[in-house]
Amino acid sequence: MKTWRQGAAVLLAGAWALFVNLCNVWLIRPLADDGSVLGVLAGAMLALLWLSCLPPHLRRQAISFTLFCLLLGGGWSALMVKPWLQRLLLGVVMTVGLAVLAWLTGRVARSRLLAAVACLVLANFWLPLDQWTFLTHFAVVYHTRVPFSPVDLPALPLQVVDTGNGGQAVLTLANLRESQQQVLQAATHATDSPTALEEVLRDYGHRYQLLELQAQGGRLRLIPAAAADLRSADPGALFNSVFPFVVVRWQASGQRILQYMVPAAAVDQFARWLLSPGDLPAHVSQLALWLQTEERASWTNTLLAFGVTPAPPSLHVVAGRLTGTSQGHSWSIPVDGNTLVGVGAFTAPGAHEALVLGVNTLQLVSLDRGVVLGTYHGDTDQPLAGDLVIGPLDGSGRDVVFVNSSPARILSFSPAVGWQTVYTAPNPSLRFEASVRFPGDNQPEILTDDPSLVRDSPVRYFTSYTFRNGQLVRNWRVYQTNVVNVQSVQFQPGTPPELALTLYGSGHLLVLRRHDWPVVPSLSVLLAGVMLSGWMYRWQLRRARLHGHSL
């Protein structure tokens, strides 16, 4: 009987370690993040209510063990970004130190400490504590940390491509860990051009390998990208954040596809351009055309080395004309812009239209009639940003343009009225990420990074809205910051869409599947049950003492 009780106590200790960390991530932190001072007071009130349900003779031990679990969970989560050896050494030192403090302050049994350590370490290896916030509205299908340097790119680039089996895959880049011997070997063979040796030495530690996240055997695997899946890929989507300072080169190395960057122009050349601001737009336009040609040629030659011929883009802007084919028609339409943003149905469901971005202009081009339908001109106070998202706003079947300016806004086009702003963000920090229709939804969910309505802070959280009566109505919020590059992907045909995303300034890559489980309400009910049980236990102890006194 004693052994059974000890085993049950150990299991309860492990469960309590997970439970208090879930309460911290799903209840306490959101109250403080979203509720400002009122949220902090509400969190403090919850803590006081929990303390009041503890029997006096167990209070010190319970507080010591709970603090141990919270500090251990957060500590191991922070260590998940460290290299393996450093993570192990620091983790052992931290765990032993916290365990000693828990024993000294609360005389917590070693078996319970070990149970908490085992549960929290395993849970953090499955998914770091900082990413548990996603679990309130998503199942984490895949998570990894890709080698990455924020010095080269602000965030991991993600691009969805079609695969040969009818599904889709996600392309990304991983920093190539090269040894000194590999660099010396590469320098020995750097004879392709007079600057080849200089490029090899300069790019040491800054070369990237193209990887592909795809479904294999019912599981997602991050593997070297297969050249056959890159036939219709857009290389510009993998490095557009470094324009115009560098030109990106691609290279075939064995069965790998590598990427590296070289300066687009000399520093003194950029300095001369800045001295003549009147000619700067023309210089930037010429540089953009040259970069596009150079990078496309490098990409094409790399794929040809694997026997794969890249498919030409169906539509592209060249010399002021939108050129290509759509729905079996060949077009060469004069436009006032140099970048094709994307295609969609902006005027009516089923329409075929293209969006072209120029210098503070946005043109809508009909691919059914071959004409420009309308031009949007940004003003000087709120210039048109190049960070645009195309997607549905409601259930009408028409697309809109989400403009990530400051403040962000939503543009809609109708043949009768032309361009109009249907929504302007109430704060300068809101950012649109994607518009996705999940299974069972009548309306699309507009995914954003949005700050708190109460707290005066530009910190943004991953938030879903639905557009109703001219306003964005919040569906849910995940209290995770720096969510970027949100992509909707179907890894296998016929499956519901999932979200692939990354976190700004890190190498975290996650794939999320939407769910409607009542996670936070269930945890709240469980917490209330724990407190109620504690109060009942205290009441029973008090009755026992009174009964013993009367006897």
Protein backbone atom coordinates (compact mmCIF):
# COMPACT_ATOMS: atom_id res chain seq x y z
CA MET A 1 0.00 0.00 0.00
CA LYS A 2 2.84 2.35 0.86
CA THR A 3 4.56 1.64 -2.45
CA TRP A 4 1.34 2.35 -4.34
CA ARG A 5 0.97 5.68 -2.58
CA GLN A 6 4.55 6.65 -3.34
CA GLY A 7 4.04 5.80 -7.02
CA ALA A 8 0.84 7.83 -7.14
CA ALA A 9 2.62 10.77 -5.50
CA VAL A 10 5.39 10.64 -8.11
CA LEU A 11 2.86 10.58 -10.97
CA LEU A 12 0.96 13.48 -9.42
CA ALA A 13 4.21 15.43 -9.10
CA GLY A 14 4.92 15.02 -12.82
CA ALA A 15 1.35 15.95 -13.72
CA TRP A 16 1.50 19.01 -11.46
CA ALA A 17 4.74 20.15 -13.12
CA LEU A 18 3.03 20.15 -16.51
CA PHE A 19 -0.20 21.61 -15.15
CA VAL A 20 1.34 24.69 -13.51
CA ASN A 21 3.38 25.46 -16.63
CA LEU A 22 0.25 25.18 -18.77
CA CYS A 23 -1.56 27.55 -16.41
CA ASN A 24 1.35 29.97 -16.68
CA VAL A 25 1.50 29.86 -20.51
CA TRP A 26 -2.25 29.69 -21.26
CA LEU A 27 -3.76 31.75 -18.41
CA ILE A 28 -1.35 33.96 -16.44
CA ARG A 29 0.84 35.26 -19.28
CA PRO A 30 -2.10 36.13 -21.59
CA LEU A 31 -3.74 38.09 -18.78
CA ALA A 32 -0.58 40.15 -18.31
CA ASP A 33 0.16 40.46 -22.05
CA ASP A 34 -3.32 41.52 -23.13
CA GLY A 35 -4.77 43.13 -20.02
CA SER A 36 -2.02 45.51 -18.90
CA VAL A 37 -2.36 46.43 -15.20
CA LEU A 38 -5.82 44.86 -14.96
CA GLY A 39 -4.45 41.60 -16.34
CA VAL A 40 -1.57 41.60 -13.85
CA LEU A 41 -4.04 42.17 -11.01
CA ALA A 42 -6.22 39.31 -12.27
CA GLY A 43 -3.17 37.03 -12.39
CA ALA A 44 -2.20 38.03 -8.87
CA MET A 45 -5.75 37.32 -7.70
CA LEU A 46 -5.56 33.81 -9.18
CA ALA A 47 -2.27 33.22 -7.36
CA LEU A 48 -3.80 34.39 -4.05
CA LEU A 49 -6.83 32.14 -4.52
CA TRP A 50 -4.52 29.19 -5.11
CA LEU A 51 -2.51 30.02 -2.00
CA SER A 52 -5.71 30.20 0.03
CA CYS A 53 -6.66 26.64 -0.89
CA LEU A 54 -3.38 25.16 0.38
CA PRO A 55 -3.40 23.55 3.84
CA PRO A 56 -1.02 25.45 6.14
CA HIS A 57 1.19 22.44 6.85
CA LEU A 58 1.73 21.84 3.08
CA ARG A 59 1.98 25.47 1.97
CA ARG A 60 5.77 25.88 2.07
CA GLN A 61 6.39 22.60 0.26
CA ALA A 62 3.73 23.33 -2.39
CA ILE A 63 5.07 26.82 -3.08
CA SER A 64 8.68 25.60 -3.31
CA PHE A 65 7.76 22.74 -5.65
CA THR A 66 5.57 24.97 -7.87
CA LEU A 67 8.28 27.62 -8.21
CA PHE A 68 10.77 24.86 -9.00
CA CYS A 69 8.52 23.58 -11.81
CA LEU A 70 7.94 27.03 -13.30
CA LEU A 71 11.61 28.01 -13.24
CA LEU A 72 12.70 24.63 -14.59
CA GLY A 73 10.19 24.69 -17.44
CA GLY A 74 11.11 28.20 -18.51
CA GLY A 75 14.83 27.51 -18.15
CA TRP A 76 14.82 24.40 -20.33
CA SER A 77 12.72 26.24 -22.90
CA ALA A 78 15.35 28.98 -23.13
CA LEU A 79 18.09 26.35 -23.50
CA MET A 80 16.43 24.72 -26.52
CA VAL A 81 18.09 27.26 -28.83
CA LYS A 82 21.58 26.35 -27.58
CA PRO A 83 23.89 23.74 -29.17
CA TRP A 84 23.49 20.22 -27.81
CA LEU A 85 26.57 20.13 -25.57
CA GLN A 86 26.01 23.60 -24.16
CA ARG A 87 22.33 22.80 -23.64
CA LEU A 88 23.17 19.63 -21.72
CA LEU A 89 25.83 21.20 -19.47
CA LEU A 90 23.79 24.30 -18.63
CA GLY A 91 20.64 22.21 -18.17
CA VAL A 92 22.30 19.89 -15.66
CA VAL A 93 23.76 22.78 -13.67
CA MET A 94 20.43 24.64 -13.65
CA THR A 95 18.42 21.54 -12.70
CA VAL A 96 20.71 20.58 -9.84
CA GLY A 97 20.78 24.14 -8.52
CA LEU A 98 17.00 24.50 -8.58
CA ALA A 99 16.54 21.07 -7.01
CA VAL A 100 18.85 21.97 -4.13
CA LEU A 101 16.95 25.21 -3.55
CA ALA A 102 13.60 23.36 -3.61
CA TRP A 103 14.87 20.84 -1.04
CA LEU A 104 16.35 23.51 1.22
CA THR A 105 13.25 25.75 1.19
CA GLY A 106 10.48 23.16 1.13
CA ARG A 107 12.04 19.76 1.83
CA VAL A 108 10.55 18.47 -1.44
CA ALA A 109 11.14 14.74 -1.87
CA ARG A 110 13.77 13.76 -4.43
CA SER A 111 11.40 11.38 -6.21
CA ARG A 112 8.97 14.21 -6.89
CA LEU A 113 11.73 16.48 -8.10
CA LEU A 114 12.97 13.77 -10.47
CA ALA A 115 9.43 13.20 -11.79
CA ALA A 116 9.04 16.93 -12.51
CA VAL A 117 12.45 17.07 -14.20
CA ALA A 118 11.65 14.10 -16.44
CA CYS A 119 8.26 15.47 -17.52
CA LEU A 120 9.43 19.01 -18.21
CA VAL A 121 12.63 18.06 -20.03
CA LEU A 122 10.77 15.60 -22.28
CA ALA A 123 8.01 18.14 -22.92
CA ASN A 124 10.54 20.82 -23.90
CA PHE A 125 12.31 18.43 -26.25
CA TRP A 126 8.95 17.71 -27.91
CA LEU A 127 8.08 21.42 -28.13
CA PRO A 128 9.79 24.29 -26.29
CA LEU A 129 7.65 25.86 -23.60
CA ASP A 130 7.58 29.20 -25.44
CA GLN A 131 5.73 27.53 -28.34
CA TRP A 132 3.08 25.90 -26.15
CA THR A 133 1.03 29.04 -26.78
CA PHE A 134 0.10 27.62 -30.21
CA LEU A 135 -1.59 24.61 -28.62
CA THR A 136 -4.62 26.62 -27.54
CA HIS A 137 -5.87 26.72 -31.15
CA PHE A 138 -3.54 24.46 -33.13
CA ALA A 139 -2.02 21.01 -33.09
CA VAL A 140 1.71 21.25 -33.77
CA VAL A 141 2.24 18.82 -36.64
CA TYR A 142 5.93 19.59 -37.11
CA HIS A 143 8.55 21.69 -35.36
CA THR A 144 12.26 22.09 -35.88
CA ARG A 145 14.93 24.74 -35.59
CA VAL A 146 16.79 25.33 -38.83
CA PRO A 147 20.38 26.68 -38.67
CA PHE A 148 19.96 30.35 -39.40
CA SER A 149 21.76 33.70 -39.03
CA PRO A 150 19.70 36.90 -38.64
CA VAL A 151 22.72 38.76 -40.02
CA ASP A 152 21.93 37.37 -43.47
CA LEU A 153 18.12 37.30 -43.44
CA PRO A 154 15.61 38.66 -40.90
CA ALA A 155 13.55 35.45 -40.95
CA LEU A 156 13.48 32.06 -42.60
CA PRO A 157 12.03 32.37 -46.11
CA LEU A 158 9.18 29.97 -46.89
CA GLN A 159 7.72 29.13 -50.29
CA VAL A 160 5.03 26.57 -51.14
CA VAL A 161 5.62 24.50 -54.30
CA ASP A 162 3.74 21.66 -55.95
CA THR A 163 5.23 18.16 -55.87
CA GLY A 164 4.91 15.27 -58.29
CA ASN A 165 2.38 13.34 -56.17
CA GLY A 166 -0.27 16.06 -56.33
CA GLY A 167 0.60 17.50 -52.92
CA GLN A 168 2.70 20.45 -51.87
CA ALA A 169 6.00 21.06 -50.12
CA VAL A 170 7.61 24.03 -48.36
CA LEU A 171 10.99 25.35 -49.46
CA THR A 172 13.34 27.07 -47.03
CA LEU A 173 17.04 27.78 -46.53
CA ALA A 174 19.38 26.40 -43.86
CA ASN A 175 22.74 27.87 -42.97
CA LEU A 176 25.46 25.50 -44.13
CA ARG A 177 27.80 24.45 -41.34
CA GLU A 178 31.17 24.23 -43.10
CA SER A 179 34.40 23.08 -41.57
CA GLN A 180 37.69 24.83 -42.23
CA GLN A 181 38.84 21.86 -44.30
CA GLN A 182 35.76 22.14 -46.54
CA VAL A 183 36.40 25.84 -47.06
CA LEU A 184 40.03 25.20 -47.99
CA GLN A 185 38.92 22.53 -50.46
CA ALA A 186 36.39 24.93 -51.99
CA ALA A 187 39.05 27.66 -52.20
CA THR A 188 41.36 25.28 -54.05
CA HIS A 189 38.72 24.71 -56.74
CA ALA A 190 37.63 28.38 -56.95
CA THR A 191 38.90 28.99 -60.48
CA ASP A 192 35.67 29.81 -62.34
CA SER A 193 36.25 33.57 -62.36
CA PRO A 194 38.80 36.16 -61.17
CA THR A 195 36.62 36.86 -58.12
CA ALA A 196 35.74 33.22 -57.32
CA LEU A 197 38.30 32.89 -54.50
CA GLU A 198 37.21 36.19 -52.97
CA GLU A 199 33.58 35.05 -53.01
CA VAL A 200 34.38 31.70 -51.34
CA LEU A 201 36.30 33.33 -48.51
CA ARG A 202 33.79 36.13 -48.00
CA ASP A 203 30.81 33.77 -47.93
CA TYR A 204 32.31 31.36 -45.39
CA GLY A 205 29.62 30.83 -42.76
CA HIS A 206 27.03 32.64 -44.89
CA ARG A 207 26.14 29.98 -47.44
CA TYR A 208 22.76 28.29 -47.33
CA GLN A 209 21.38 24.98 -48.52
CA LEU A 210 17.95 24.78 -50.12
CA LEU A 211 15.74 22.39 -48.14
CA GLU A 212 12.28 20.98 -48.72
CA LEU A 213 9.69 20.06 -46.09
CA GLN A 214 7.47 17.34 -47.55
CA ALA A 215 5.35 14.38 -46.51
CA GLN A 216 7.11 11.01 -46.63
CA GLY A 217 5.57 7.83 -45.25
CA GLY A 218 2.87 9.76 -43.42
CA ARG A 219 5.36 12.05 -41.68
CA LEU A 220 6.86 15.45 -42.50
CA ARG A 221 10.58 15.44 -43.20
CA LEU A 222 12.98 18.29 -43.92
CA ILE A 223 15.30 17.03 -46.66
CA PRO A 224 17.55 18.51 -49.35
CA ALA A 225 15.36 19.99 -52.05
CA ALA A 226 14.83 17.78 -55.10
CA ALA A 227 15.55 19.64 -58.33
CA ALA A 228 12.47 18.07 -59.95
CA ASP A 229 10.22 19.90 -57.44
CA LEU A 230 11.82 23.25 -58.27
CA ARG A 231 10.72 23.46 -61.88
CA SER A 232 8.04 26.05 -61.13
CA ALA A 233 9.59 27.55 -57.98
CA ASP A 234 10.16 31.30 -57.76
CA PRO A 235 13.72 31.92 -56.52
CA GLY A 236 12.89 35.58 -55.89
CA ALA A 237 10.56 34.57 -53.03
CA LEU A 238 13.51 33.09 -51.14
CA PHE A 239 15.63 36.21 -50.88
CA ASN A 240 13.53 39.28 -51.71
CA SER A 241 14.32 40.87 -48.34
CA VAL A 242 17.98 41.58 -49.29
CA PHE A 243 17.28 43.70 -52.39
CA PRO A 244 18.96 45.91 -53.59
CA PHE A 245 22.24 45.54 -51.75
CA VAL A 246 23.20 42.00 -52.75
CA VAL A 247 22.81 39.70 -55.70
CA VAL A 248 22.02 36.07 -54.93
CA ARG A 249 23.87 33.22 -56.62
CA TRP A 250 22.90 29.56 -56.78
CA GLN A 251 25.31 26.66 -57.03
CA ALA A 252 25.08 22.90 -57.53
CA SER A 253 27.29 21.02 -55.05
CA GLY A 254 26.91 17.26 -55.44
CA GLN A 255 23.21 16.60 -54.87
CA ARG A 256 22.76 19.83 -52.94
CA ILE A 257 21.61 23.25 -54.13
CA LEU A 258 23.46 26.04 -52.36
CA GLN A 259 22.81 29.75 -52.16
CA TYR A 260 25.25 32.56 -51.41
CA MET A 261 25.20 36.33 -51.74
CA VAL A 262 27.61 38.88 -53.22
CA PRO A 263 27.37 42.70 -53.22
CA ALA A 264 25.17 44.05 -55.99
CA ALA A 265 27.38 47.10 -56.42
CA ALA A 266 30.41 48.67 -54.84
CA VAL A 267 29.90 50.84 -51.77
CA ASP A 268 31.17 53.95 -53.56
CA GLN A 269 28.62 53.31 -56.32
CA PHE A 270 25.75 53.41 -53.80
CA ALA A 271 27.29 56.57 -52.30
CA ARG A 272 27.33 58.31 -55.72
CA TRP A 273 23.67 57.44 -56.25
CA LEU A 274 22.72 58.98 -52.91
CA LEU A 275 24.46 62.21 -53.89
CA SER A 276 22.02 62.61 -56.79
CA PRO A 277 18.60 61.82 -55.28
CA GLY A 278 16.79 62.97 -58.42
CA ASP A 279 18.27 60.10 -60.41
CA LEU A 280 17.94 57.55 -57.62
CA PRO A 281 14.62 55.98 -58.81
CA ALA A 282 16.08 55.41 -62.27
CA HIS A 283 19.24 53.85 -60.84
CA VAL A 284 17.23 51.56 -58.55
CA SER A 285 14.99 50.52 -61.45
CA GLN A 286 18.00 49.66 -63.62
CA LEU A 287 19.60 47.76 -60.73
CA ALA A 288 16.37 45.80 -60.17
CA LEU A 289 16.24 44.70 -63.82
CA TRP A 290 19.91 43.66 -63.73
CA LEU A 291 19.49 41.75 -60.47
CA GLN A 292 16.41 39.96 -61.81
CA THR A 293 18.30 38.89 -64.93
CA GLU A 294 21.42 37.79 -63.06
CA GLU A 295 19.59 35.84 -60.37
CA ARG A 296 17.27 34.13 -62.85
CA ALA A 297 20.28 33.10 -64.97
CA SER A 298 22.08 31.69 -61.91
CA TRP A 299 18.96 29.74 -60.88
CA THR A 300 18.43 28.38 -64.40
CA ASN A 301 22.05 27.22 -64.77
CA THR A 302 21.91 25.49 -61.37
CA LEU A 303 18.77 23.51 -62.24
CA LEU A 304 20.15 22.65 -65.69
CA ALA A 305 23.09 21.01 -63.90
CA PHE A 306 20.56 18.50 -62.51
CA GLY A 307 18.87 18.01 -65.87
CA VAL A 308 15.84 20.12 -64.93
CA THR A 309 14.63 22.97 -67.12
CA PRO A 310 12.87 25.69 -65.09
CA ALA A 311 9.38 26.49 -66.25
CA PRO A 312 9.17 30.10 -67.44
CA PRO A 313 6.90 32.27 -65.32
CA SER A 314 3.41 32.36 -66.78
CA LEU A 315 3.29 36.12 -66.22
CA HIS A 316 6.01 38.67 -65.58
CA VAL A 317 6.68 42.37 -66.05
CA VAL A 318 9.37 43.28 -68.58
CA ALA A 319 10.11 46.79 -69.86
CA GLY A 320 6.78 48.18 -68.72
CA ARG A 321 4.62 45.38 -70.13
CA LEU A 322 2.82 42.52 -68.41
CA THR A 323 3.81 39.59 -70.60
CA GLY A 324 2.86 35.92 -70.56
CA THR A 325 -0.06 33.56 -70.88
CA SER A 326 -3.23 33.10 -68.85
CA GLN A 327 -6.23 30.86 -69.53
CA GLY A 328 -4.82 29.99 -72.95
CA HIS A 329 -4.38 33.64 -74.02
CA SER A 330 -1.05 35.36 -74.68
CA TRP A 331 -0.78 38.90 -73.38
CA SER A 332 1.57 41.87 -73.63
CA ILE A 333 -0.21 44.64 -71.73
CA PRO A 334 1.35 48.08 -71.06
CA VAL A 335 1.49 48.69 -67.29
CA ASP A 336 2.86 51.36 -65.00
CA GLY A 337 4.87 49.12 -62.71
CA ASN A 338 7.74 46.65 -62.50
CA THR A 339 6.61 43.92 -60.08
CA LEU A 340 3.87 41.31 -60.43
CA VAL A 341 2.34 40.94 -56.98
CA GLY A 342 0.02 38.06 -57.85
CA VAL A 343 -3.24 37.04 -59.47
CA GLY A 344 -6.78 36.76 -58.13
CA ALA A 345 -10.45 37.49 -58.65
CA PHE A 346 -10.90 41.10 -57.54
CA THR A 347 -13.96 42.27 -59.51
CA ALA A 348 -16.14 39.14 -59.49
CA PRO A 349 -15.94 35.46 -58.50
CA GLY A 350 -14.07 33.49 -61.15
CA ALA A 351 -12.45 36.54 -62.75
CA HIS A 352 -8.79 36.35 -63.79
CA GLU A 353 -6.86 39.48 -62.86
CA ALA A 354 -3.29 40.44 -62.06
CA LEU A 355 -1.92 42.97 -59.59
CA VAL A 356 1.11 45.02 -60.65
CA LEU A 357 3.09 47.18 -58.21
CA GLY A 358 4.86 50.34 -59.30
CA VAL A 359 6.35 53.40 -57.61
CA ASN A 360 3.59 54.21 -55.11
CA THR A 361 1.03 52.80 -57.57
CA LEU A 362 -1.00 49.61 -57.79
CA GLN A 363 -2.62 48.54 -61.06
CA LEU A 364 -5.30 45.90 -61.60
CA VAL A 365 -5.06 44.19 -64.99
CA SER A 366 -7.78 42.00 -66.50
CA LEU A 367 -6.43 38.74 -67.93
CA ASP A 368 -9.81 38.08 -69.55
CA ARG A 369 -9.88 41.30 -71.61
CA GLY A 370 -6.23 42.36 -71.63
CA VAL A 371 -6.76 45.87 -70.24
CA VAL A 372 -5.86 47.86 -67.14
CA LEU A 373 -8.99 48.14 -65.01
CA GLY A 374 -7.79 50.74 -62.54
CA THR A 375 -4.79 52.34 -60.84
CA TYR A 376 -4.41 53.07 -57.13
CA HIS A 377 -2.10 55.97 -56.20
CA GLY A 378 -0.64 56.15 -52.73
CA ASP A 379 -0.20 59.59 -51.17
CA THR A 380 2.92 61.09 -49.68
CA ASP A 381 1.69 60.81 -46.09
CA GLN A 382 0.80 57.11 -46.46
CA PRO A 383 2.89 55.74 -49.33
CA LEU A 384 2.00 52.36 -50.76
CA ALA A 385 4.09 49.64 -49.11
CA GLY A 386 5.52 46.77 -51.11
CA ASP A 387 4.47 44.28 -48.44
CA LEU A 388 1.14 43.10 -49.87
CA VAL A 389 -1.07 40.07 -49.26
CA ILE A 390 -3.78 38.89 -51.65
CA GLY A 391 -6.73 36.89 -50.36
CA PRO A 392 -10.47 36.77 -49.68
CA LEU A 393 -12.05 39.18 -47.23
CA ASP A 394 -15.46 37.53 -46.88
CA GLY A 395 -17.59 34.82 -48.47
CA SER A 396 -18.29 36.77 -51.68
CA GLY A 397 -15.64 34.93 -53.71
CA ARG A 398 -13.74 38.14 -54.46
CA ASP A 399 -10.17 38.93 -53.42
CA VAL A 400 -8.82 42.09 -51.82
CA VAL A 401 -5.38 43.55 -51.18
CA PHE A 402 -4.05 43.66 -47.61
CA VAL A 403 -1.49 46.48 -47.47
CA ASN A 404 1.05 46.32 -44.65
CA SER A 405 1.72 50.03 -44.38
CA SER A 406 1.54 52.18 -41.24
CA PRO A 407 -1.30 51.95 -40.49
CA ALA A 408 -2.23 48.81 -42.42
CA ARG A 409 -5.28 48.93 -44.65
CA ILE A 410 -7.43 46.79 -46.92
CA LEU A 411 -8.08 47.82 -50.54
CA SER A 412 -10.99 46.54 -52.60
CA PHE A 413 -11.84 47.10 -56.27
CA SER A 414 -15.20 47.23 -57.97
CA PRO A 415 -15.91 48.16 -61.63
CA ALA A 416 -18.41 50.84 -60.59
CA VAL A 417 -16.35 52.61 -57.91
CA GLY A 418 -12.76 51.59 -58.62
CA TRP A 419 -10.26 51.31 -55.77
CA GLN A 420 -11.53 52.00 -52.28
CA THR A 421 -10.20 51.55 -48.75
CA VAL A 422 -12.62 49.28 -46.90
CA TYR A 423 -10.65 49.11 -43.64
CA THR A 424 -7.87 51.02 -41.90
CA ALA A 425 -6.13 49.58 -38.83
CA PRO A 426 -6.75 51.49 -35.56
CA ASN A 427 -3.05 51.32 -34.66
CA PRO A 428 0.22 51.56 -36.63
CA SER A 429 1.49 48.14 -35.53
CA LEU A 430 -1.07 45.72 -37.02
CA ARG A 431 0.33 43.50 -39.78
CA PHE A 432 -1.59 41.19 -42.12
CA GLU A 433 -0.04 37.75 -42.64
CA ALA A 434 -2.55 35.64 -44.59
CA SER A 435 -6.22 35.01 -45.34
CA VAL A 436 -7.15 31.34 -44.95
CA ARG A 437 -10.41 29.42 -45.07
CA PHE A 438 -10.27 26.46 -42.69
CA PRO A 439 -12.58 23.41 -43.09
CA GLY A 440 -16.10 24.14 -41.91
CA ASP A 441 -15.69 27.94 -42.03
CA ASN A 442 -18.14 30.04 -44.05
CA GLN A 443 -15.89 33.08 -43.79
CA PRO A 444 -12.11 33.24 -44.25
CA GLU A 445 -9.94 33.92 -41.21
CA ILE A 446 -7.68 36.95 -41.59
CA LEU A 447 -4.44 36.11 -39.79
CA THR A 448 -2.54 39.06 -38.37
CA ASP A 449 0.13 40.16 -35.94
CA ASP A 450 -1.72 42.61 -33.74
CA PRO A 451 -0.92 44.46 -30.49
CA SER A 452 -3.08 44.48 -27.39
CA LEU A 453 -6.14 46.75 -27.32
CA VAL A 454 -5.52 47.65 -23.68
CA ARG A 455 -1.78 47.49 -23.18
CA ASP A 456 0.15 50.46 -24.60
CA SER A 457 2.85 48.43 -26.34
CA PRO A 458 3.79 47.70 -29.97
CA VAL A 459 4.36 44.00 -29.13
CA ARG A 460 2.21 42.00 -31.57
CA TYR A 461 0.50 38.63 -31.13
CA PHE A 462 -0.71 36.08 -33.66
CA THR A 463 -4.42 36.88 -34.04
CA SER A 464 -7.34 35.77 -36.21
CA TYR A 465 -10.13 38.08 -37.35
CA THR A 466 -13.30 37.88 -39.42
CA PHE A 467 -14.50 40.88 -41.42
CA ARG A 468 -18.05 41.87 -40.43
CA ASN A 469 -19.91 45.14 -41.05
CA GLY A 470 -16.76 47.02 -42.00
CA GLN A 471 -14.79 45.93 -38.92
CA LEU A 472 -12.41 43.13 -37.96
CA VAL A 473 -13.97 40.94 -35.26
CA ARG A 474 -11.50 38.85 -33.27
CA ASN A 475 -11.89 35.07 -33.35
CA TRP A 476 -8.90 34.03 -31.27
CA ARG A 477 -5.43 35.10 -30.25
CA VAL A 478 -2.28 33.05 -29.73
CA TYR A 479 0.08 34.89 -27.40
CA GLN A 480 3.13 34.27 -29.55
CA THR A 481 5.14 37.17 -30.93
CA ASN A 482 7.16 37.53 -34.15
CA VAL A 483 5.06 35.13 -36.25
CA VAL A 484 5.94 35.78 -39.92
CA ASN A 485 5.86 34.15 -43.36
CA VAL A 486 2.54 32.39 -42.75
CA GLN A 487 1.79 30.02 -45.65
CA SER A 488 -1.21 27.78 -46.26
CA VAL A 489 -0.08 24.36 -47.50
CA GLN A 490 -1.57 20.94 -48.34
CA PHE A 491 1.20 18.37 -48.03
CA GLN A 492 -1.04 15.61 -49.36
CA PRO A 493 -3.94 15.92 -51.81
CA GLY A 494 -7.39 15.92 -50.26
CA THR A 495 -6.21 16.90 -46.77
CA PRO A 496 -7.25 20.07 -44.91
CA PRO A 497 -4.89 23.05 -45.27
CA GLU A 498 -2.23 23.53 -42.63
CA LEU A 499 -0.15 26.57 -41.73
CA ALA A 500 3.60 26.69 -42.19
CA LEU A 501 5.24 29.62 -40.43
CA THR A 502 8.42 30.82 -38.83
CA LEU A 503 9.38 33.19 -36.03
CA TYR A 504 11.18 36.43 -36.83
CA GLY A 505 14.88 36.45 -36.02
CA SER A 506 15.03 32.72 -35.30
CA GLY A 507 15.21 29.42 -37.14
CA HIS A 508 11.98 28.00 -35.73
CA LEU A 509 9.86 26.33 -38.41
CA LEU A 510 6.41 25.10 -37.44
CA VAL A 511 3.51 23.40 -39.19
CA LEU A 512 0.16 23.90 -37.44
CA ARG A 513 -3.21 22.21 -37.89
CA ARG A 514 -6.26 24.17 -36.74
CA HIS A 515 -8.53 22.67 -34.06
CA ASP A 516 -11.58 23.86 -32.12
CA TRP A 517 -10.92 22.10 -28.82
CA PRO A 518 -11.89 24.14 -25.73
CA VAL A 519 -8.35 24.13 -24.36
CA VAL A 520 -8.36 27.27 -22.21
CA PRO A 521 -11.90 26.73 -20.81
CA SER A 522 -11.02 23.14 -19.90
CA LEU A 523 -7.84 24.24 -18.14
CA SER A 524 -9.78 26.94 -16.28
CA VAL A 525 -12.33 24.39 -15.09
CA LEU A 526 -9.53 22.07 -13.99
CA LEU A 527 -7.82 24.88 -12.08
CA ALA A 528 -11.11 25.74 -10.38
CA GLY A 529 -11.51 22.04 -9.48
CA VAL A 530 -8.03 21.99 -7.94
CA MET A 531 -8.82 25.06 -5.82
CA LEU A 532 -12.21 23.67 -4.78
CA SER A 533 -10.59 20.38 -3.75
CA GLY A 534 -8.07 22.30 -1.66
CA TRP A 535 -10.72 24.31 0.09
CA MET A 536 -12.76 21.15 0.82
CA TYR A 537 -9.66 19.44 2.20
CA ARG A 538 -8.97 22.40 4.48
CA TRP A 539 -12.59 22.36 5.63
CA GLN A 540 -12.34 18.64 6.45
CA LEU A 541 -9.12 19.24 8.43
CA ARG A 542 -10.83 22.00 10.38
CA ARG A 543 -13.82 19.78 11.15
CA ALA A 544 -11.49 17.00 12.30
CA ARG A 545 -9.68 19.36 14.67
CA LEU A 546 -12.94 20.67 16.10
CA HIS A 547 -14.28 17.13 16.53
CA GLY A 548 -11.12 16.01 18.23
CA HIS A 549 -11.30 19.00 20.61
CA SER A 550 -14.92 18.23 21.58
CA LEU A 551 -13.97 14.66 22.31
